[in-house]
């Protein structure tokens, strides 16, 4: 198909998918996941360091003895980042960053585009064999090896990201992050699925949820002062 408009169209579409996948990955890597700022003044938590569990305060706030700071509801300490992250889901080695309140959208976009690229690549392999099944000689063997390797790679990556994506959506709809599911301390709010999705992707049109650009989230930044608690 390399000499046809159909071939040029598929080159364009596939590279757009790769571009969006790369952009969403970079946003997930470079974005602040929701790091809780450290206090401007030193706070004395020396009498609480012996207690491994976070100390509960009013309105769901807790004290983190590792960061020596107060943190808002649904914030958890990441032992890899060594900071507390708002609405932390997990620390992902794929992005070398936490998946939290401010970058979960980009992480989901990355999963979506990896899965889409995998499906697209597998489909094009099948189409290429249907349109040109009569290749003979060494070219046929090379094409077969390339096709088998590409299908296996696409299948493994596609299956993996689909599984993670379904797990992420399940966590969003249940209104519990992965950390909260393990600790069994989620908020258990009775909210509609669309409202829960908007907390992650913003209030824009659902089509804009696929764009790895900045968005206005329904979750507003919290002022971190000791006066609040």
C-alpha atoms as a PDB file:
ATOM      1  CA  UNK A   1       0.000   0.000   0.000  1.00  0.00           C
ATOM      2  CA  UNK A   2       3.048   2.281   0.058  1.00  0.00           C
ATOM      3  CA  UNK A   3       2.264   3.744  -3.398  1.00  0.00           C
ATOM      4  CA  UNK A   4      -1.418   4.427  -2.745  1.00  0.00           C
ATOM      5  CA  UNK A   5      -3.414   7.152  -1.023  1.00  0.00           C
ATOM      6  CA  UNK A   6      -4.764   4.498   1.349  1.00  0.00           C
ATOM      7  CA  UNK A   7      -1.182   3.749   2.405  1.00  0.00           C
ATOM      8  CA  UNK A   8      -0.420   7.445   2.952  1.00  0.00           C
ATOM      9  CA  UNK A   9      -3.624   7.801   4.964  1.00  0.00           C
ATOM     10  CA  UNK A  10      -2.638   4.958   7.288  1.00  0.00           C
ATOM     11  CA  UNK A  11       0.851   6.395   7.725  1.00  0.00           C
ATOM     12  CA  UNK A  12      -0.708   9.697   8.770  1.00  0.00           C
ATOM     13  CA  UNK A  13      -3.226   8.131  11.164  1.00  0.00           C
ATOM     14  CA  UNK A  14      -0.718   5.801  12.815  1.00  0.00           C
ATOM     15  CA  UNK A  15       1.818   8.573  13.358  1.00  0.00           C
ATOM     16  CA  UNK A  16      -0.875  10.813  14.852  1.00  0.00           C
ATOM     17  CA  UNK A  17      -1.626   8.010  17.336  1.00  0.00           C
ATOM     18  CA  UNK A  18       2.091   7.667  18.126  1.00  0.00           C
ATOM     19  CA  UNK A  19       2.396  11.445  18.586  1.00  0.00           C
ATOM     20  CA  UNK A  20      -0.563  11.562  21.003  1.00  0.00           C
ATOM     21  CA  UNK A  21       0.793   8.528  22.842  1.00  0.00           C
ATOM     22  CA  UNK A  22       4.197  10.196  23.233  1.00  0.00           C
ATOM     23  CA  UNK A  23       2.665  13.518  24.278  1.00  0.00           C
ATOM     24  CA  UNK A  24       0.436  11.909  26.917  1.00  0.00           C
ATOM     25  CA  UNK A  25       3.367   9.878  28.224  1.00  0.00           C
ATOM     26  CA  UNK A  26       5.525  12.998  28.573  1.00  0.00           C
ATOM     27  CA  UNK A  27       2.693  14.827  30.343  1.00  0.00           C
ATOM     28  CA  UNK A  28       2.289  11.933  32.774  1.00  0.00           C
ATOM     29  CA  UNK A  29       6.053  11.858  33.387  1.00  0.00           C
ATOM     30  CA  UNK A  30       6.647  15.593  33.742  1.00  0.00           C
ATOM     31  CA  UNK A  31       3.406  16.705  35.413  1.00  0.00           C
ATOM     32  CA  UNK A  32       3.077  17.243  39.128  1.00  0.00           C
ATOM     33  CA  UNK A  33       0.895  14.333  40.321  1.00  0.00           C
ATOM     34  CA  UNK A  34      -0.365  16.412  43.246  1.00  0.00           C
ATOM     35  CA  UNK A  35       2.560  16.750  45.636  1.00  0.00           C
ATOM     36  CA  UNK A  36       1.545  18.135  49.020  1.00  0.00           C
ATOM     37  CA  UNK A  37       3.771  21.189  49.663  1.00  0.00           C
ATOM     38  CA  UNK A  38       6.049  21.054  52.662  1.00  0.00           C
ATOM     39  CA  UNK A  39       5.310  23.608  55.409  1.00  0.00           C
ATOM     40  CA  UNK A  40       7.210  26.880  55.328  1.00  0.00           C
ATOM     41  CA  UNK A  41       7.944  26.516  59.039  1.00  0.00           C
ATOM     42  CA  UNK A  42       9.223  23.442  60.843  1.00  0.00           C
ATOM     43  CA  UNK A  43       6.587  21.390  62.637  1.00  0.00           C
ATOM     44  CA  UNK A  44       7.434  19.197  65.610  1.00  0.00           C
ATOM     45  CA  UNK A  45       6.214  15.620  65.143  1.00  0.00           C
ATOM     46  CA  UNK A  46       8.864  14.009  67.337  1.00  0.00           C
ATOM     47  CA  UNK A  47       6.286  12.606  69.754  1.00  0.00           C
ATOM     48  CA  UNK A  48       4.452  10.864  66.898  1.00  0.00           C
ATOM     49  CA  UNK A  49       7.363   9.211  65.073  1.00  0.00           C
ATOM     50  CA  UNK A  50       6.942   6.082  67.161  1.00  0.00           C
ATOM     51  CA  UNK A  51       3.441   5.616  65.714  1.00  0.00           C
ATOM     52  CA  UNK A  52       3.618   4.098  62.210  1.00  0.00           C
ATOM     53  CA  UNK A  53       0.031   4.947  61.349  1.00  0.00           C
ATOM     54  CA  UNK A  54      -0.926   8.506  60.254  1.00  0.00           C
ATOM     55  CA  UNK A  55      -2.595  10.588  62.909  1.00  0.00           C
ATOM     56  CA  UNK A  56      -6.193  11.514  62.075  1.00  0.00           C
ATOM     57  CA  UNK A  57      -7.308  15.112  62.452  1.00  0.00           C
ATOM     58  CA  UNK A  58     -10.529  16.971  61.685  1.00  0.00           C
ATOM     59  CA  UNK A  59     -12.209  16.951  58.246  1.00  0.00           C
ATOM     60  CA  UNK A  60     -10.232  13.927  57.087  1.00  0.00           C
ATOM     61  CA  UNK A  61      -6.837  15.620  57.361  1.00  0.00           C
ATOM     62  CA  UNK A  62      -3.934  13.541  58.651  1.00  0.00           C
ATOM     63  CA  UNK A  63      -0.370  14.114  59.789  1.00  0.00           C
ATOM     64  CA  UNK A  64       2.456  12.412  57.925  1.00  0.00           C
ATOM     65  CA  UNK A  65       5.359  11.713  60.258  1.00  0.00           C
ATOM     66  CA  UNK A  66       7.622  10.920  57.288  1.00  0.00           C
ATOM     67  CA  UNK A  67       7.139  14.312  55.643  1.00  0.00           C
ATOM     68  CA  UNK A  68       6.536  16.070  58.967  1.00  0.00           C
ATOM     69  CA  UNK A  69       3.556  17.893  57.551  1.00  0.00           C
ATOM     70  CA  UNK A  70      -0.216  17.985  57.454  1.00  0.00           C
ATOM     71  CA  UNK A  71      -1.922  16.508  54.426  1.00  0.00           C
ATOM     72  CA  UNK A  72      -5.474  16.799  53.047  1.00  0.00           C
ATOM     73  CA  UNK A  73      -8.009  13.977  52.732  1.00  0.00           C
ATOM     74  CA  UNK A  74      -7.106  11.126  50.331  1.00  0.00           C
ATOM     75  CA  UNK A  75      -3.414  12.073  50.280  1.00  0.00           C
ATOM     76  CA  UNK A  76      -0.912   9.276  50.843  1.00  0.00           C
ATOM     77  CA  UNK A  77       2.847   9.052  51.260  1.00  0.00           C
ATOM     78  CA  UNK A  78       4.884   7.553  48.402  1.00  0.00           C
ATOM     79  CA  UNK A  79       7.994   5.790  49.680  1.00  0.00           C
ATOM     80  CA  UNK A  80       9.669   6.144  46.254  1.00  0.00           C
ATOM     81  CA  UNK A  81       8.972   9.863  45.710  1.00  0.00           C
ATOM     82  CA  UNK A  82       9.333  10.426  49.481  1.00  0.00           C
ATOM     83  CA  UNK A  83       6.471  12.912  49.403  1.00  0.00           C
ATOM     84  CA  UNK A  84       2.760  12.855  50.074  1.00  0.00           C
ATOM     85  CA  UNK A  85       0.629  12.802  46.914  1.00  0.00           C
ATOM     86  CA  UNK A  86      -2.971  13.990  46.716  1.00  0.00           C
ATOM     87  CA  UNK A  87      -5.318  11.191  45.677  1.00  0.00           C
ATOM     88  CA  UNK A  88      -2.373   8.890  45.038  1.00  0.00           C
ATOM     89  CA  UNK A  89      -3.284   5.775  43.051  1.00  0.00           C
ATOM     90  CA  UNK A  90       0.131   4.122  42.707  1.00  0.00           C
ATOM     91  CA  UNK A  91       3.737   4.785  41.705  1.00  0.00           C
ATOM     92  CA  UNK A  92       4.172   3.713  38.083  1.00  0.00           C
ATOM     93  CA  UNK A  93       7.619   2.618  36.780  1.00  0.00           C
ATOM     94  CA  UNK A  94       6.435   3.280  33.199  1.00  0.00           C
ATOM     95  CA  UNK A  95       6.345   7.007  33.881  1.00  0.00           C
ATOM     96  CA  UNK A  96       8.780   7.064  36.832  1.00  0.00           C
ATOM     97  CA  UNK A  97       6.195   9.120  38.661  1.00  0.00           C
ATOM     98  CA  UNK A  98       3.183   8.735  40.890  1.00  0.00           C
ATOM     99  CA  UNK A  99      -0.281   8.570  39.380  1.00  0.00           C
ATOM    100  CA  UNK A 100      -2.259  11.087  41.388  1.00  0.00           C
ATOM    101  CA  UNK A 101      -4.908  13.771  41.289  1.00  0.00           C
ATOM    102  CA  UNK A 102      -3.234  16.015  38.713  1.00  0.00           C
ATOM    103  CA  UNK A 103      -1.811  13.521  36.196  1.00  0.00           C
ATOM    104  CA  UNK A 104      -4.164  10.525  36.224  1.00  0.00           C
ATOM    105  CA  UNK A 105      -5.816  11.909  33.091  1.00  0.00           C
ATOM    106  CA  UNK A 106      -2.530  11.797  31.173  1.00  0.00           C
ATOM    107  CA  UNK A 107      -1.769   8.292  32.438  1.00  0.00           C
ATOM    108  CA  UNK A 108      -5.146   7.043  31.187  1.00  0.00           C
ATOM    109  CA  UNK A 109      -4.576   8.770  27.850  1.00  0.00           C
ATOM    110  CA  UNK A 110      -1.210   7.027  27.562  1.00  0.00           C
ATOM    111  CA  UNK A 111      -2.833   3.639  28.204  1.00  0.00           C
ATOM    112  CA  UNK A 112      -5.555   4.395  25.652  1.00  0.00           C
ATOM    113  CA  UNK A 113      -3.147   5.352  22.867  1.00  0.00           C
ATOM    114  CA  UNK A 114      -0.813   2.411  23.513  1.00  0.00           C
ATOM    115  CA  UNK A 115      -3.806   0.089  23.276  1.00  0.00           C
ATOM    116  CA  UNK A 116      -5.068   1.874  20.147  1.00  0.00           C
ATOM    117  CA  UNK A 117      -1.640   1.660  18.486  1.00  0.00           C
ATOM    118  CA  UNK A 118      -1.469  -2.061  19.292  1.00  0.00           C
ATOM    119  CA  UNK A 119      -4.885  -2.736  17.767  1.00  0.00           C
ATOM    120  CA  UNK A 120      -4.073  -0.594  14.737  1.00  0.00           C
ATOM    121  CA  UNK A 121      -0.747  -2.349  14.114  1.00  0.00           C
ATOM    122  CA  UNK A 122      -2.325  -5.811  14.402  1.00  0.00           C
ATOM    123  CA  UNK A 123      -5.127  -4.803  12.038  1.00  0.00           C
ATOM    124  CA  UNK A 124      -2.661  -3.497   9.446  1.00  0.00           C
ATOM    125  CA  UNK A 125      -0.672  -6.743   9.567  1.00  0.00           C
ATOM    126  CA  UNK A 126      -3.828  -8.743   8.865  1.00  0.00           C
ATOM    127  CA  UNK A 127      -4.888  -6.369   6.078  1.00  0.00           C
ATOM    128  CA  UNK A 128      -1.439  -6.538   4.468  1.00  0.00           C
ATOM    129  CA  UNK A 129      -1.629 -10.340   4.291  1.00  0.00           C
ATOM    130  CA  UNK A 130      -5.120 -10.209   2.812  1.00  0.00           C
ATOM    131  CA  UNK A 131      -4.199  -7.642   0.154  1.00  0.00           C
ATOM    132  CA  UNK A 132      -0.856  -9.195  -0.774  1.00  0.00           C
ATOM    133  CA  UNK A 133      -0.785 -12.907   0.089  1.00  0.00           C
ATOM    134  CA  UNK A 134       1.311 -13.929  -2.940  1.00  0.00           C
ATOM    135  CA  UNK A 135       4.802 -12.905  -1.753  1.00  0.00           C
ATOM    136  CA  UNK A 136       7.373 -15.607  -2.500  1.00  0.00           C
ATOM    137  CA  UNK A 137      10.960 -16.408  -1.654  1.00  0.00           C
ATOM    138  CA  UNK A 138      13.014 -14.628   1.005  1.00  0.00           C
ATOM    139  CA  UNK A 139      10.648 -11.654   1.092  1.00  0.00           C
ATOM    140  CA  UNK A 140       7.848 -13.934   2.259  1.00  0.00           C
ATOM    141  CA  UNK A 141       9.954 -15.336   5.099  1.00  0.00           C
ATOM    142  CA  UNK A 142      11.074 -11.861   6.196  1.00  0.00           C
ATOM    143  CA  UNK A 143       7.505 -10.589   6.104  1.00  0.00           C
ATOM    144  CA  UNK A 144       6.285 -13.589   8.091  1.00  0.00           C
ATOM    145  CA  UNK A 145       8.955 -13.124  10.792  1.00  0.00           C
ATOM    146  CA  UNK A 146       8.227  -9.393  10.985  1.00  0.00           C
ATOM    147  CA  UNK A 147       4.482  -9.988  11.134  1.00  0.00           C
ATOM    148  CA  UNK A 148       4.728 -12.627  13.874  1.00  0.00           C
ATOM    149  CA  UNK A 149       6.995 -10.461  16.048  1.00  0.00           C
ATOM    150  CA  UNK A 150       4.793  -7.397  15.528  1.00  0.00           C
ATOM    151  CA  UNK A 151       1.574  -9.259  16.351  1.00  0.00           C
ATOM    152  CA  UNK A 152       3.094 -10.803  19.508  1.00  0.00           C
ATOM    153  CA  UNK A 153       4.414  -7.416  20.662  1.00  0.00           C
ATOM    154  CA  UNK A 154       1.135  -5.670  19.897  1.00  0.00           C
ATOM    155  CA  UNK A 155      -0.896  -8.383  21.607  1.00  0.00           C
ATOM    156  CA  UNK A 156       1.192  -8.322  24.803  1.00  0.00           C
ATOM    157  CA  UNK A 157       1.281  -4.522  25.082  1.00  0.00           C
ATOM    158  CA  UNK A 158      -2.372  -4.207  24.126  1.00  0.00           C
ATOM    159  CA  UNK A 159      -3.523  -6.829  26.612  1.00  0.00           C
ATOM    160  CA  UNK A 160      -1.409  -5.302  29.370  1.00  0.00           C
ATOM    161  CA  UNK A 161      -2.623  -1.722  28.953  1.00  0.00           C
ATOM    162  CA  UNK A 162      -6.248  -2.792  28.510  1.00  0.00           C
ATOM    163  CA  UNK A 163      -6.054  -4.670  31.809  1.00  0.00           C
ATOM    164  CA  UNK A 164      -4.499  -1.662  33.582  1.00  0.00           C
ATOM    165  CA  UNK A 165      -6.988   0.708  31.940  1.00  0.00           C
ATOM    166  CA  UNK A 166      -9.963  -1.384  33.066  1.00  0.00           C
ATOM    167  CA  UNK A 167      -8.504  -1.467  36.579  1.00  0.00           C
ATOM    168  CA  UNK A 168      -8.119   2.330  36.543  1.00  0.00           C
ATOM    169  CA  UNK A 169     -11.693   2.870  35.338  1.00  0.00           C
ATOM    170  CA  UNK A 170     -12.988   0.428  37.944  1.00  0.00           C
ATOM    171  CA  UNK A 171     -11.143   2.399  40.646  1.00  0.00           C
ATOM    172  CA  UNK A 172     -12.607   5.678  39.360  1.00  0.00           C
ATOM    173  CA  UNK A 173     -16.178   4.320  39.281  1.00  0.00           C
ATOM    174  CA  UNK A 174     -15.818   2.813  42.752  1.00  0.00           C
ATOM    175  CA  UNK A 175     -14.355   6.143  43.918  1.00  0.00           C
ATOM    176  CA  UNK A 176     -11.374   4.413  45.484  1.00  0.00           C
ATOM    177  CA  UNK A 177      -7.743   4.648  44.448  1.00  0.00           C
ATOM    178  CA  UNK A 178      -5.554   1.548  44.467  1.00  0.00           C
ATOM    179  CA  UNK A 179      -4.017   2.671  47.769  1.00  0.00           C
ATOM    180  CA  UNK A 180      -7.456   3.213  49.292  1.00  0.00           C
ATOM    181  CA  UNK A 181      -8.633  -0.194  48.089  1.00  0.00           C
ATOM    182  CA  UNK A 182      -5.691  -1.854  49.851  1.00  0.00           C
ATOM    183  CA  UNK A 183      -6.141   0.192  53.018  1.00  0.00           C
ATOM    184  CA  UNK A 184      -9.939   0.057  52.798  1.00  0.00           C
ATOM    185  CA  UNK A 185     -10.282   3.722  53.688  1.00  0.00           C
ATOM    186  CA  UNK A 186     -11.932   5.202  50.592  1.00  0.00           C
ATOM    187  CA  UNK A 187     -14.478   8.049  50.863  1.00  0.00           C
ATOM    188  CA  UNK A 188     -17.424   5.884  49.673  1.00  0.00           C
ATOM    189  CA  UNK A 189     -19.261   8.804  48.094  1.00  0.00           C
ATOM    190  CA  UNK A 190     -22.493   8.158  46.228  1.00  0.00           C
ATOM    191  CA  UNK A 191     -21.756  10.021  42.982  1.00  0.00           C
ATOM    192  CA  UNK A 192     -22.732   9.423  39.373  1.00  0.00           C
ATOM    193  CA  UNK A 193     -20.134   7.825  37.090  1.00  0.00           C
ATOM    194  CA  UNK A 194     -20.012  10.889  34.848  1.00  0.00           C
ATOM    195  CA  UNK A 195     -19.283  13.123  37.842  1.00  0.00           C
ATOM    196  CA  UNK A 196     -16.465  10.807  38.916  1.00  0.00           C
ATOM    197  CA  UNK A 197     -14.991  10.868  35.402  1.00  0.00           C
ATOM    198  CA  UNK A 198     -15.197  14.664  35.353  1.00  0.00           C
ATOM    199  CA  UNK A 199     -13.155  14.793  38.548  1.00  0.00           C
ATOM    200  CA  UNK A 200     -10.340  13.115  36.619  1.00  0.00           C
ATOM    201  CA  UNK A 201     -10.757  14.523  33.092  1.00  0.00           C
ATOM    202  CA  UNK A 202     -12.398  17.899  33.757  1.00  0.00           C
ATOM    203  CA  UNK A 203     -15.754  19.337  32.751  1.00  0.00           C
ATOM    204  CA  UNK A 204     -14.998  19.709  29.060  1.00  0.00           C
ATOM    205  CA  UNK A 205     -16.627  17.700  26.268  1.00  0.00           C
ATOM    206  CA  UNK A 206     -15.714  13.979  26.468  1.00  0.00           C
ATOM    207  CA  UNK A 207     -13.849  14.271  23.143  1.00  0.00           C
ATOM    208  CA  UNK A 208     -11.443  16.739  24.783  1.00  0.00           C
ATOM    209  CA  UNK A 209     -10.602  14.052  27.338  1.00  0.00           C
ATOM    210  CA  UNK A 210      -8.469  12.392  24.661  1.00  0.00           C
ATOM    211  CA  UNK A 211      -6.247  15.463  24.213  1.00  0.00           C
ATOM    212  CA  UNK A 212      -3.062  15.561  26.349  1.00  0.00           C
ATOM    213  CA  UNK A 213      -3.467  19.254  27.191  1.00  0.00           C
ATOM    214  CA  UNK A 214      -4.007  21.151  30.420  1.00  0.00           C
ATOM    215  CA  UNK A 215      -7.535  21.142  31.742  1.00  0.00           C
ATOM    216  CA  UNK A 216      -9.592  22.802  34.442  1.00  0.00           C
ATOM    217  CA  UNK A 217     -10.368  20.063  36.915  1.00  0.00           C
ATOM    218  CA  UNK A 218     -13.384  20.094  39.192  1.00  0.00           C
ATOM    219  CA  UNK A 219     -10.983  19.367  42.043  1.00  0.00           C
ATOM    220  CA  UNK A 220      -9.540  22.665  43.159  1.00  0.00           C
ATOM    221  CA  UNK A 221      -6.185  23.124  44.773  1.00  0.00           C
ATOM    222  CA  UNK A 222      -6.232  23.105  48.543  1.00  0.00           C
ATOM    223  CA  UNK A 223      -4.589  25.742  50.660  1.00  0.00           C
ATOM    224  CA  UNK A 224      -2.189  23.924  52.921  1.00  0.00           C
ATOM    225  CA  UNK A 225      -1.974  25.768  56.191  1.00  0.00           C
ATOM    226  CA  UNK A 226      -1.739  24.499  59.699  1.00  0.00           C
ATOM    227  CA  UNK A 227      -4.620  26.796  60.579  1.00  0.00           C
ATOM    228  CA  UNK A 228      -6.970  24.558  58.588  1.00  0.00           C
ATOM    229  CA  UNK A 229      -6.395  21.695  60.966  1.00  0.00           C
END
